[in-house]
């Protein structure tokens, strides 16, 4: 066998596990996510960020909400680290620091939400409605924290426009996945 055939064989063997795992995704799994994402404000982003969880989610609204919260938490942690790392000199520094605080609060709210979702129990069980309400409240609060950050930055006239734009881009994207997560959490209550 010449070298080109060996190279093709090696590539085929290397990518075989990836192909088999992609083939194991049943269309119904992705179609459930697609249908669920239609209830969100940003359905294309929802599908893009959650389709990789299809084998875990199956047809479970709760598992989909959990995946959405996990994606949102990861993005919130990234945004929080990004904003904390920015040093804005002068009078605009206060707005950046306030934003860092509110995005840090977002991370806390999302962590609490994920823990509460894990304790929720079955629909109709004692505490189900209470736990669901807590999750909804905390995810809503996280969304409010993000809006507070954006509002503070828009009013701060002394923030470098490049810094403002970079933070706003991160927070707007975070707000979109948070909004989607909240919509999917709300579906848990609607489906039971």
N, C-alpha and C. Protein backbone atom coordinates (compact mmCIF):
# COMPACT_ATOMS: atom_id res chain seq x y z
N UNK A 1 0.85 -1.17 0.00
CA UNK A 1 0.00 0.00 0.00
C UNK A 1 0.89 1.23 0.00
N UNK A 2 0.58 2.19 -0.86
CA UNK A 2 1.42 3.37 -0.90
C UNK A 2 1.03 4.33 0.22
N UNK A 3 1.79 5.39 0.37
CA UNK A 3 1.62 6.32 1.49
C UNK A 3 0.28 7.04 1.45
N UNK A 4 -0.22 7.40 0.28
CA UNK A 4 -1.49 8.11 0.20
C UNK A 4 -2.65 7.23 0.68
N UNK A 5 -2.59 5.94 0.36
CA UNK A 5 -3.63 5.03 0.83
C UNK A 5 -3.55 4.84 2.35
N UNK A 6 -2.33 4.77 2.86
CA UNK A 6 -2.16 4.64 4.31
C UNK A 6 -2.68 5.88 5.03
N UNK A 7 -2.41 7.05 4.44
CA UNK A 7 -2.88 8.29 5.03
C UNK A 7 -4.41 8.33 5.04
N UNK A 8 -5.05 7.94 3.95
CA UNK A 8 -6.51 7.91 3.89
C UNK A 8 -7.08 6.91 4.90
N UNK A 9 -6.46 5.76 5.03
CA UNK A 9 -6.90 4.77 5.99
C UNK A 9 -6.77 5.30 7.42
N UNK A 10 -5.65 5.95 7.71
CA UNK A 10 -5.45 6.52 9.04
C UNK A 10 -6.48 7.60 9.35
N UNK A 11 -6.78 8.46 8.38
CA UNK A 11 -7.79 9.49 8.58
C UNK A 11 -9.17 8.88 8.79
N UNK A 12 -9.48 7.86 8.02
CA UNK A 12 -10.78 7.19 8.17
C UNK A 12 -10.92 6.59 9.56
N UNK A 13 -9.86 5.96 10.04
CA UNK A 13 -9.90 5.36 11.37
C UNK A 13 -9.99 6.44 12.46
N UNK A 14 -9.32 7.56 12.23
CA UNK A 14 -9.33 8.64 13.22
C UNK A 14 -10.71 9.27 13.34
N UNK A 15 -11.41 9.40 12.21
CA UNK A 15 -12.70 10.08 12.23
C UNK A 15 -13.88 9.12 12.41
N UNK A 16 -13.65 7.83 12.41
CA UNK A 16 -14.74 6.86 12.57
C UNK A 16 -15.54 7.07 13.85
N UNK A 17 -14.90 7.30 15.01
CA UNK A 17 -15.70 7.52 16.22
C UNK A 17 -16.59 8.75 16.12
N UNK A 18 -16.09 9.79 15.48
CA UNK A 18 -16.90 11.00 15.33
C UNK A 18 -18.10 10.75 14.44
N UNK A 19 -17.88 10.03 13.37
CA UNK A 19 -18.98 9.73 12.46
C UNK A 19 -20.01 8.84 13.11
N UNK A 20 -19.58 7.86 13.88
CA UNK A 20 -20.55 6.97 14.51
C UNK A 20 -21.34 7.69 15.60
N UNK A 21 -20.70 8.62 16.32
CA UNK A 21 -21.46 9.36 17.33
C UNK A 21 -22.44 10.32 16.68
N UNK A 22 -22.07 10.90 15.54
CA UNK A 22 -23.01 11.77 14.84
C UNK A 22 -24.17 10.96 14.28
N UNK A 23 -23.89 9.75 13.83
CA UNK A 23 -24.95 8.90 13.29
C UNK A 23 -25.89 8.43 14.39
N UNK A 24 -25.42 8.38 15.63
CA UNK A 24 -26.27 7.92 16.72
C UNK A 24 -27.30 8.97 17.14
N UNK A 25 -27.16 10.21 16.66
CA UNK A 25 -28.17 11.23 16.95
C UNK A 25 -29.41 10.93 16.13
N UNK A 26 -30.46 10.60 16.80
CA UNK A 26 -31.69 10.32 16.08
C UNK A 26 -32.33 11.64 15.68
N UNK A 27 -32.94 11.69 14.52
CA UNK A 27 -33.60 12.93 14.09
C UNK A 27 -34.63 13.43 15.09
N UNK A 28 -35.30 12.52 15.79
CA UNK A 28 -36.31 12.94 16.75
C UNK A 28 -35.69 13.74 17.89
N UNK A 29 -34.46 13.42 18.27
CA UNK A 29 -33.81 14.16 19.34
C UNK A 29 -33.60 15.62 18.95
N UNK A 30 -33.07 15.84 17.77
CA UNK A 30 -32.82 17.21 17.31
C UNK A 30 -34.15 17.91 17.02
N UNK A 31 -35.12 17.17 16.51
CA UNK A 31 -36.41 17.81 16.20
C UNK A 31 -37.11 18.26 17.49
N UNK A 32 -36.93 17.54 18.59
CA UNK A 32 -37.49 17.98 19.87
C UNK A 32 -36.85 19.31 20.29
N UNK A 33 -35.54 19.40 20.16
CA UNK A 33 -34.85 20.64 20.51
C UNK A 33 -35.30 21.77 19.59
N UNK A 34 -35.38 21.47 18.29
CA UNK A 34 -35.82 22.49 17.33
C UNK A 34 -37.22 22.99 17.68
N UNK A 35 -38.13 22.06 17.95
CA UNK A 35 -39.50 22.45 18.30
C UNK A 35 -39.53 23.25 19.60
N UNK A 36 -38.76 22.85 20.57
CA UNK A 36 -38.70 23.57 21.85
C UNK A 36 -38.11 24.95 21.66
N UNK A 37 -37.11 25.06 20.83
CA UNK A 37 -36.45 26.35 20.61
C UNK A 37 -37.37 27.36 19.91
N UNK A 38 -38.39 26.87 19.25
CA UNK A 38 -39.34 27.80 18.60
C UNK A 38 -40.05 28.68 19.61
N UNK A 39 -40.10 28.24 20.87
CA UNK A 39 -40.76 29.04 21.90
C UNK A 39 -39.84 30.09 22.51
N UNK A 40 -38.60 30.15 22.02
CA UNK A 40 -37.64 31.11 22.56
C UNK A 40 -37.60 32.36 21.70
N UNK A 41 -36.98 33.36 22.22
CA UNK A 41 -36.85 34.63 21.49
C UNK A 41 -35.78 34.55 20.40
N UNK A 42 -34.80 33.68 20.58
CA UNK A 42 -33.69 33.54 19.63
C UNK A 42 -33.58 32.07 19.23
N UNK A 43 -34.52 31.58 18.41
CA UNK A 43 -34.57 30.14 18.11
C UNK A 43 -33.33 29.60 17.39
N UNK A 44 -32.75 30.36 16.49
CA UNK A 44 -31.56 29.86 15.78
C UNK A 44 -30.39 29.69 16.75
N UNK A 45 -30.18 30.65 17.62
CA UNK A 45 -29.14 30.55 18.63
C UNK A 45 -29.42 29.39 19.58
N UNK A 46 -30.67 29.24 19.95
CA UNK A 46 -31.07 28.15 20.83
C UNK A 46 -30.70 26.80 20.22
N UNK A 47 -31.10 26.58 18.98
CA UNK A 47 -30.80 25.32 18.31
C UNK A 47 -29.30 25.12 18.16
N UNK A 48 -28.60 26.17 17.77
CA UNK A 48 -27.15 26.07 17.59
C UNK A 48 -26.44 25.72 18.89
N UNK A 49 -26.86 26.33 19.99
CA UNK A 49 -26.15 26.11 21.25
C UNK A 49 -26.57 24.84 21.97
N UNK A 50 -27.72 24.26 21.61
CA UNK A 50 -28.22 23.10 22.35
C UNK A 50 -28.28 21.80 21.55
N UNK A 51 -28.11 21.86 20.25
CA UNK A 51 -28.25 20.65 19.45
C UNK A 51 -27.20 19.60 19.82
N UNK A 52 -26.06 20.00 20.31
CA UNK A 52 -25.04 19.06 20.75
C UNK A 52 -25.44 18.24 21.97
N UNK A 53 -26.51 18.64 22.63
CA UNK A 53 -26.99 17.94 23.82
C UNK A 53 -28.14 16.97 23.50
N UNK A 54 -28.39 16.72 22.22
CA UNK A 54 -29.56 15.94 21.81
C UNK A 54 -29.62 14.55 22.44
N UNK A 55 -28.49 13.88 22.53
CA UNK A 55 -28.52 12.52 23.09
C UNK A 55 -28.79 12.53 24.59
N UNK A 56 -28.43 13.59 25.27
CA UNK A 56 -28.70 13.71 26.70
C UNK A 56 -30.14 14.17 26.94
N UNK A 57 -30.59 15.10 26.13
CA UNK A 57 -31.91 15.70 26.32
C UNK A 57 -33.02 14.72 25.96
N UNK A 58 -32.83 13.97 24.90
CA UNK A 58 -33.88 13.09 24.34
C UNK A 58 -35.13 13.93 24.10
N UNK A 59 -36.19 13.68 24.86
CA UNK A 59 -37.43 14.43 24.71
C UNK A 59 -37.86 15.00 26.06
N UNK A 60 -36.90 15.36 26.88
CA UNK A 60 -37.17 15.85 28.23
C UNK A 60 -37.04 17.37 28.31
N UNK A 61 -38.13 18.02 28.62
CA UNK A 61 -38.10 19.49 28.79
C UNK A 61 -37.16 19.89 29.92
N UNK A 62 -37.14 19.08 30.96
CA UNK A 62 -36.27 19.40 32.10
C UNK A 62 -34.80 19.27 31.72
N UNK A 63 -34.45 18.20 30.99
CA UNK A 63 -33.06 18.04 30.56
C UNK A 63 -32.65 19.15 29.59
N UNK A 64 -33.58 19.57 28.75
CA UNK A 64 -33.28 20.66 27.83
C UNK A 64 -33.06 21.96 28.59
N UNK A 65 -33.90 22.23 29.59
CA UNK A 65 -33.71 23.43 30.41
C UNK A 65 -32.38 23.36 31.16
N UNK A 66 -32.03 22.18 31.65
CA UNK A 66 -30.75 22.01 32.35
C UNK A 66 -29.59 22.29 31.40
N UNK A 67 -29.66 21.78 30.18
CA UNK A 67 -28.60 22.04 29.19
C UNK A 67 -28.53 23.53 28.86
N UNK A 68 -29.68 24.16 28.73
CA UNK A 68 -29.70 25.61 28.43
C UNK A 68 -29.08 26.41 29.57
N UNK A 69 -29.36 26.01 30.80
CA UNK A 69 -28.76 26.69 31.95
C UNK A 69 -27.25 26.46 32.00
N UNK A 70 -26.83 25.25 31.66
CA UNK A 70 -25.39 24.95 31.66
C UNK A 70 -24.66 25.79 30.61
N UNK A 71 -25.24 25.90 29.42
CA UNK A 71 -24.65 26.73 28.36
C UNK A 71 -24.60 28.18 28.82
N UNK A 72 -25.69 28.64 29.41
CA UNK A 72 -25.76 30.03 29.87
C UNK A 72 -24.75 30.30 30.98
N UNK A 73 -24.63 29.37 31.91
CA UNK A 73 -23.66 29.54 33.00
C UNK A 73 -22.24 29.62 32.45
N UNK A 74 -21.91 28.78 31.52
CA UNK A 74 -20.56 28.82 30.92
C UNK A 74 -20.31 30.17 30.26
N UNK A 75 -21.29 30.66 29.54
CA UNK A 75 -21.13 31.96 28.87
C UNK A 75 -21.08 33.09 29.89
N UNK A 76 -21.84 32.97 30.97
CA UNK A 76 -21.81 34.00 32.01
C UNK A 76 -20.45 34.03 32.70
N UNK A 77 -19.89 32.86 32.98
CA UNK A 77 -18.56 32.81 33.59
C UNK A 77 -17.52 33.43 32.68
N UNK A 78 -17.63 33.17 31.39
CA UNK A 78 -16.70 33.76 30.42
C UNK A 78 -16.86 35.28 30.37
N UNK A 79 -18.10 35.74 30.33
CA UNK A 79 -18.36 37.18 30.30
C UNK A 79 -17.88 37.85 31.58
N UNK A 80 -18.09 37.19 32.70
CA UNK A 80 -17.65 37.74 33.99
C UNK A 80 -16.13 37.89 34.02
N UNK A 81 -15.43 36.86 33.60
CA UNK A 81 -13.96 36.93 33.58
C UNK A 81 -13.49 38.03 32.62
N UNK A 82 -14.16 38.15 31.49
CA UNK A 82 -13.79 39.17 30.50
C UNK A 82 -13.95 40.57 31.09
N UNK A 83 -15.10 40.84 31.70
CA UNK A 83 -15.36 42.19 32.24
C UNK A 83 -14.45 42.49 33.42
N UNK A 84 -14.21 41.50 34.27
CA UNK A 84 -13.31 41.72 35.41
C UNK A 84 -11.88 42.02 34.96
N UNK A 85 -11.48 41.47 33.81
CA UNK A 85 -10.12 41.67 33.33
C UNK A 85 -9.91 43.04 32.70
N UNK A 86 -10.98 43.73 32.37
CA UNK A 86 -10.86 45.04 31.72
C UNK A 86 -10.56 46.10 32.76
N UNK A 87 -9.59 46.90 32.46
CA UNK A 87 -9.24 48.03 33.30
C UNK A 87 -9.60 49.30 32.54
N UNK A 88 -10.59 50.00 33.03
CA UNK A 88 -11.02 51.23 32.38
C UNK A 88 -10.55 52.41 33.23
N UNK A 89 -9.63 53.19 32.70
CA UNK A 89 -9.11 54.31 33.49
C UNK A 89 -10.13 55.45 33.61
N UNK A 90 -9.98 56.24 34.63
CA UNK A 90 -10.77 57.45 34.77
C UNK A 90 -12.17 57.21 35.31
N UNK A 91 -13.03 58.15 35.00
CA UNK A 91 -14.37 58.14 35.58
C UNK A 91 -15.25 57.02 35.03
N UNK A 92 -14.90 56.45 33.89
CA UNK A 92 -15.67 55.35 33.34
C UNK A 92 -15.44 54.04 34.05
N UNK A 93 -14.42 54.02 34.91
CA UNK A 93 -14.08 52.78 35.61
C UNK A 93 -15.23 52.29 36.49
N UNK A 94 -15.99 53.20 37.07
CA UNK A 94 -17.10 52.81 37.93
C UNK A 94 -18.15 52.00 37.20
N UNK A 95 -18.46 52.40 35.98
CA UNK A 95 -19.47 51.67 35.20
C UNK A 95 -18.99 50.27 34.86
N UNK A 96 -17.71 50.14 34.55
CA UNK A 96 -17.15 48.82 34.23
C UNK A 96 -17.13 47.96 35.48
N UNK A 97 -16.76 48.54 36.62
CA UNK A 97 -16.78 47.78 37.88
C UNK A 97 -18.19 47.35 38.26
N UNK A 98 -19.16 48.25 38.07
CA UNK A 98 -20.55 47.90 38.36
C UNK A 98 -21.01 46.76 37.45
N UNK A 99 -20.62 46.82 36.20
CA UNK A 99 -20.97 45.77 35.27
C UNK A 99 -20.35 44.43 35.69
N UNK A 100 -19.10 44.49 36.11
CA UNK A 100 -18.43 43.27 36.58
C UNK A 100 -19.19 42.67 37.77
N UNK A 101 -19.67 43.53 38.65
CA UNK A 101 -20.43 43.06 39.81
C UNK A 101 -21.75 42.41 39.38
N UNK A 102 -22.48 43.06 38.48
CA UNK A 102 -23.77 42.51 38.07
C UNK A 102 -23.62 41.22 37.26
N UNK A 103 -22.56 41.11 36.47
CA UNK A 103 -22.34 39.87 35.74
C UNK A 103 -21.91 38.77 36.71
N UNK A 104 -21.17 39.12 37.75
CA UNK A 104 -20.85 38.16 38.80
C UNK A 104 -22.12 37.68 39.51
N UNK A 105 -23.06 38.60 39.71
CA UNK A 105 -24.36 38.21 40.29
C UNK A 105 -25.11 37.26 39.37
N UNK A 106 -24.99 37.49 38.07
CA UNK A 106 -25.60 36.59 37.08
C UNK A 106 -25.08 35.17 37.26
N UNK A 107 -23.78 35.03 37.41
CA UNK A 107 -23.18 33.71 37.61
C UNK A 107 -23.76 33.05 38.85
N UNK A 108 -23.87 33.79 39.94
CA UNK A 108 -24.43 33.25 41.18
C UNK A 108 -25.88 32.79 40.99
N UNK A 109 -26.68 33.63 40.32
CA UNK A 109 -28.09 33.29 40.10
C UNK A 109 -28.22 32.02 39.26
N UNK A 110 -27.38 31.88 38.24
CA UNK A 110 -27.46 30.71 37.37
C UNK A 110 -27.00 29.44 38.10
N UNK A 111 -25.98 29.57 38.94
CA UNK A 111 -25.54 28.42 39.73
C UNK A 111 -26.64 27.96 40.66
N UNK A 112 -27.29 28.89 41.32
CA UNK A 112 -28.41 28.56 42.21
C UNK A 112 -29.54 27.90 41.43
N UNK A 113 -29.80 28.40 40.23
CA UNK A 113 -30.87 27.85 39.40
C UNK A 113 -30.60 26.41 39.03
N UNK A 114 -29.36 26.11 38.66
CA UNK A 114 -29.03 24.74 38.28
C UNK A 114 -29.18 23.78 39.46
N UNK A 115 -28.74 24.22 40.63
CA UNK A 115 -28.89 23.38 41.83
C UNK A 115 -30.36 23.15 42.15
N UNK A 116 -31.15 24.19 42.05
CA UNK A 116 -32.57 24.08 42.36
C UNK A 116 -33.29 23.18 41.35
N UNK A 117 -32.91 23.28 40.11
CA UNK A 117 -33.50 22.42 39.09
C UNK A 117 -33.22 20.95 39.40
N UNK A 118 -32.06 20.67 39.94
CA UNK A 118 -31.71 19.31 40.33
C UNK A 118 -32.52 18.79 41.51
N UNK A 119 -33.03 19.69 42.34
CA UNK A 119 -33.82 19.30 43.52
C UNK A 119 -35.32 19.31 43.25
N UNK A 120 -35.71 19.64 42.05
CA UNK A 120 -37.11 19.93 41.76
C UNK A 120 -38.07 18.77 42.00
N UNK A 121 -37.68 17.57 41.77
CA UNK A 121 -38.60 16.44 41.94
C UNK A 121 -39.55 16.33 40.76
N UNK A 122 -40.46 15.39 40.87
CA UNK A 122 -41.41 15.15 39.79
C UNK A 122 -42.55 16.16 39.84
N UNK A 123 -43.16 16.41 38.68
CA UNK A 123 -44.33 17.30 38.66
C UNK A 123 -45.41 16.77 39.60
N UNK A 124 -45.99 17.66 40.34
CA UNK A 124 -47.02 17.28 41.29
C UNK A 124 -46.49 16.89 42.66
N UNK A 125 -45.18 16.67 42.75
CA UNK A 125 -44.60 16.31 44.04
C UNK A 125 -44.51 17.56 44.91
N UNK A 126 -44.44 17.35 46.23
CA UNK A 126 -44.31 18.51 47.11
C UNK A 126 -43.04 19.30 46.76
N UNK A 127 -43.20 20.56 46.63
CA UNK A 127 -42.06 21.42 46.36
C UNK A 127 -41.76 21.65 44.89
N UNK A 128 -42.40 20.89 43.98
CA UNK A 128 -42.10 21.07 42.55
C UNK A 128 -42.35 22.51 42.11
N UNK A 129 -43.55 23.01 42.40
CA UNK A 129 -43.90 24.38 41.97
C UNK A 129 -42.99 25.41 42.63
N UNK A 130 -42.64 25.17 43.89
CA UNK A 130 -41.76 26.10 44.62
C UNK A 130 -40.39 26.16 43.96
N UNK A 131 -39.81 24.98 43.67
CA UNK A 131 -38.49 24.92 43.05
C UNK A 131 -38.52 25.55 41.66
N UNK A 132 -39.55 25.25 40.89
CA UNK A 132 -39.67 25.83 39.55
C UNK A 132 -39.76 27.35 39.63
N UNK A 133 -40.54 27.85 40.58
CA UNK A 133 -40.66 29.29 40.77
C UNK A 133 -39.32 29.93 41.13
N UNK A 134 -38.56 29.25 41.99
CA UNK A 134 -37.23 29.76 42.34
C UNK A 134 -36.33 29.86 41.12
N UNK A 135 -36.33 28.80 40.31
CA UNK A 135 -35.49 28.80 39.11
C UNK A 135 -35.91 29.94 38.19
N UNK A 136 -37.20 30.09 37.97
CA UNK A 136 -37.69 31.16 37.10
C UNK A 136 -37.29 32.53 37.65
N UNK A 137 -37.40 32.70 38.94
CA UNK A 137 -37.06 33.99 39.57
C UNK A 137 -35.57 34.29 39.40
N UNK A 138 -34.72 33.30 39.64
CA UNK A 138 -33.28 33.53 39.58
C UNK A 138 -32.79 33.76 38.16
N UNK A 139 -33.36 33.04 37.20
CA UNK A 139 -32.95 33.26 35.81
C UNK A 139 -33.44 34.64 35.35
N UNK A 140 -34.63 35.03 35.78
CA UNK A 140 -35.13 36.38 35.47
C UNK A 140 -34.23 37.44 36.10
N UNK A 141 -33.80 37.20 37.32
CA UNK A 141 -32.90 38.14 38.00
C UNK A 141 -31.57 38.24 37.26
N UNK A 142 -31.08 37.11 36.75
CA UNK A 142 -29.83 37.13 35.97
C UNK A 142 -30.00 38.00 34.73
N UNK A 143 -31.13 37.87 34.08
CA UNK A 143 -31.41 38.69 32.89
C UNK A 143 -31.48 40.17 33.25
N UNK A 144 -32.09 40.47 34.40
CA UNK A 144 -32.15 41.85 34.87
C UNK A 144 -30.76 42.39 35.18
N UNK A 145 -29.91 41.56 35.78
CA UNK A 145 -28.53 41.98 36.06
C UNK A 145 -27.80 42.37 34.78
N UNK A 146 -28.01 41.60 33.73
CA UNK A 146 -27.36 41.89 32.45
C UNK A 146 -27.87 43.21 31.86
N UNK A 147 -29.17 43.44 31.98
CA UNK A 147 -29.75 44.70 31.50
C UNK A 147 -29.19 45.88 32.30
N UNK A 148 -29.02 45.68 33.60
CA UNK A 148 -28.45 46.73 34.45
C UNK A 148 -27.04 47.07 33.99
N UNK A 149 -26.25 46.07 33.66
CA UNK A 149 -24.89 46.29 33.17
C UNK A 149 -24.93 47.12 31.89
N UNK A 150 -25.78 46.71 30.95
CA UNK A 150 -25.86 47.42 29.66
C UNK A 150 -26.34 48.86 29.85
N UNK A 151 -27.32 49.05 30.72
CA UNK A 151 -27.82 50.40 30.98
C UNK A 151 -26.74 51.29 31.58
N UNK A 152 -26.00 50.75 32.54
CA UNK A 152 -24.93 51.52 33.17
C UNK A 152 -23.86 51.92 32.17
N UNK A 153 -23.51 51.00 31.30
CA UNK A 153 -22.49 51.31 30.28
C UNK A 153 -22.99 52.36 29.30
N UNK A 154 -24.25 52.29 28.93
CA UNK A 154 -24.77 53.25 27.95
C UNK A 154 -24.84 54.66 28.52
N UNK A 155 -24.98 54.78 29.83
CA UNK A 155 -25.03 56.10 30.48
C UNK A 155 -23.65 56.64 30.84
N UNK A 156 -22.67 55.77 30.87
CA UNK A 156 -21.31 56.20 31.27
C UNK A 156 -20.61 56.83 30.06
N UNK A 157 -20.50 58.14 30.10
CA UNK A 157 -19.94 58.85 28.95
C UNK A 157 -18.42 58.76 28.88
N UNK A 158 -17.78 58.38 29.96
CA UNK A 158 -16.32 58.39 30.00
C UNK A 158 -15.69 57.01 29.75
N UNK A 159 -16.49 56.03 29.37
CA UNK A 159 -15.93 54.71 29.06
C UNK A 159 -15.43 54.74 27.63
N UNK A 160 -14.23 54.24 27.43
CA UNK A 160 -13.66 54.14 26.08
C UNK A 160 -14.65 53.41 25.18
N UNK A 161 -14.98 53.97 24.02
CA UNK A 161 -15.98 53.34 23.14
C UNK A 161 -15.63 51.91 22.74
N UNK A 162 -14.35 51.61 22.60
CA UNK A 162 -13.95 50.23 22.25
C UNK A 162 -14.23 49.28 23.40
N UNK A 163 -13.96 49.73 24.62
CA UNK A 163 -14.23 48.91 25.80
C UNK A 163 -15.74 48.70 25.94
N UNK A 164 -16.49 49.79 25.78
CA UNK A 164 -17.95 49.70 25.88
C UNK A 164 -18.49 48.70 24.85
N UNK A 165 -18.04 48.81 23.61
CA UNK A 165 -18.53 47.92 22.55
C UNK A 165 -18.18 46.46 22.83
N UNK A 166 -16.99 46.22 23.32
CA UNK A 166 -16.57 44.84 23.61
C UNK A 166 -17.42 44.24 24.73
N UNK A 167 -17.63 45.00 25.78
CA UNK A 167 -18.45 44.51 26.89
C UNK A 167 -19.89 44.31 26.43
N UNK A 168 -20.42 45.30 25.73
CA UNK A 168 -21.80 45.20 25.27
C UNK A 168 -22.01 43.97 24.39
N UNK A 169 -21.07 43.68 23.52
CA UNK A 169 -21.19 42.51 22.65
C UNK A 169 -21.30 41.24 23.49
N UNK A 170 -20.42 41.11 24.49
CA UNK A 170 -20.45 39.93 25.36
C UNK A 170 -21.77 39.82 26.12
N UNK A 171 -22.23 40.94 26.67
CA UNK A 171 -23.42 40.92 27.52
C UNK A 171 -24.69 40.72 26.69
N UNK A 172 -24.74 41.30 25.52
CA UNK A 172 -25.92 41.09 24.65
C UNK A 172 -26.02 39.61 24.28
N UNK A 173 -24.91 39.00 23.92
CA UNK A 173 -24.92 37.57 23.59
C UNK A 173 -25.33 36.75 24.81
N UNK A 174 -24.81 37.08 25.96
CA UNK A 174 -25.20 36.40 27.20
C UNK A 174 -26.69 36.57 27.47
N UNK A 175 -27.20 37.75 27.25
CA UNK A 175 -28.63 38.01 27.47
C UNK A 175 -29.50 37.16 26.55
N UNK A 176 -29.03 36.94 25.34
CA UNK A 176 -29.80 36.13 24.40
C UNK A 176 -29.89 34.67 24.86
N UNK A 177 -28.77 34.09 25.29
CA UNK A 177 -28.83 32.70 25.76
C UNK A 177 -29.58 32.62 27.09
N UNK A 178 -29.50 33.65 27.91
CA UNK A 178 -30.25 33.66 29.17
C UNK A 178 -31.75 33.72 28.90
N UNK A 179 -32.14 34.56 27.97
CA UNK A 179 -33.55 34.65 27.57
C UNK A 179 -34.05 33.30 27.07
N UNK A 180 -33.25 32.64 26.25
CA UNK A 180 -33.63 31.32 25.75
C UNK A 180 -33.76 30.31 26.90
N UNK A 181 -32.81 30.35 27.82
CA UNK A 181 -32.86 29.43 28.96
C UNK A 181 -34.13 29.66 29.78
N UNK A 182 -34.49 30.91 30.00
CA UNK A 182 -35.70 31.21 30.76
C UNK A 182 -36.94 30.67 30.04
N UNK A 183 -37.00 30.85 28.74
CA UNK A 183 -38.14 30.32 27.97
C UNK A 183 -38.23 28.80 28.10
N UNK A 184 -37.09 28.12 28.09
CA UNK A 184 -37.09 26.66 28.20
C UNK A 184 -37.41 26.21 29.62
N UNK A 185 -37.01 26.99 30.62
CA UNK A 185 -37.40 26.69 32.00
C UNK A 185 -38.92 26.84 32.14
N UNK A 186 -39.45 27.88 31.53
CA UNK A 186 -40.90 28.11 31.60
C UNK A 186 -41.68 26.96 30.97
N UNK A 187 -41.10 26.29 29.99
CA UNK A 187 -41.77 25.15 29.34
C UNK A 187 -41.91 23.97 30.30
N UNK A 188 -41.03 23.86 31.28
CA UNK A 188 -41.15 22.77 32.26
C UNK A 188 -42.51 22.86 32.96
N UNK A 189 -42.84 24.07 33.40
CA UNK A 189 -44.11 24.27 34.08
C UNK A 189 -45.30 24.11 33.14
N UNK A 190 -45.14 24.53 31.90
CA UNK A 190 -46.24 24.45 30.93
C UNK A 190 -46.52 23.01 30.51
N UNK A 191 -45.49 22.17 30.52
CA UNK A 191 -45.64 20.79 30.07
C UNK A 191 -46.14 19.87 31.16
N UNK A 192 -46.23 20.36 32.39
CA UNK A 192 -46.64 19.46 33.48
C UNK A 192 -47.75 20.07 34.28
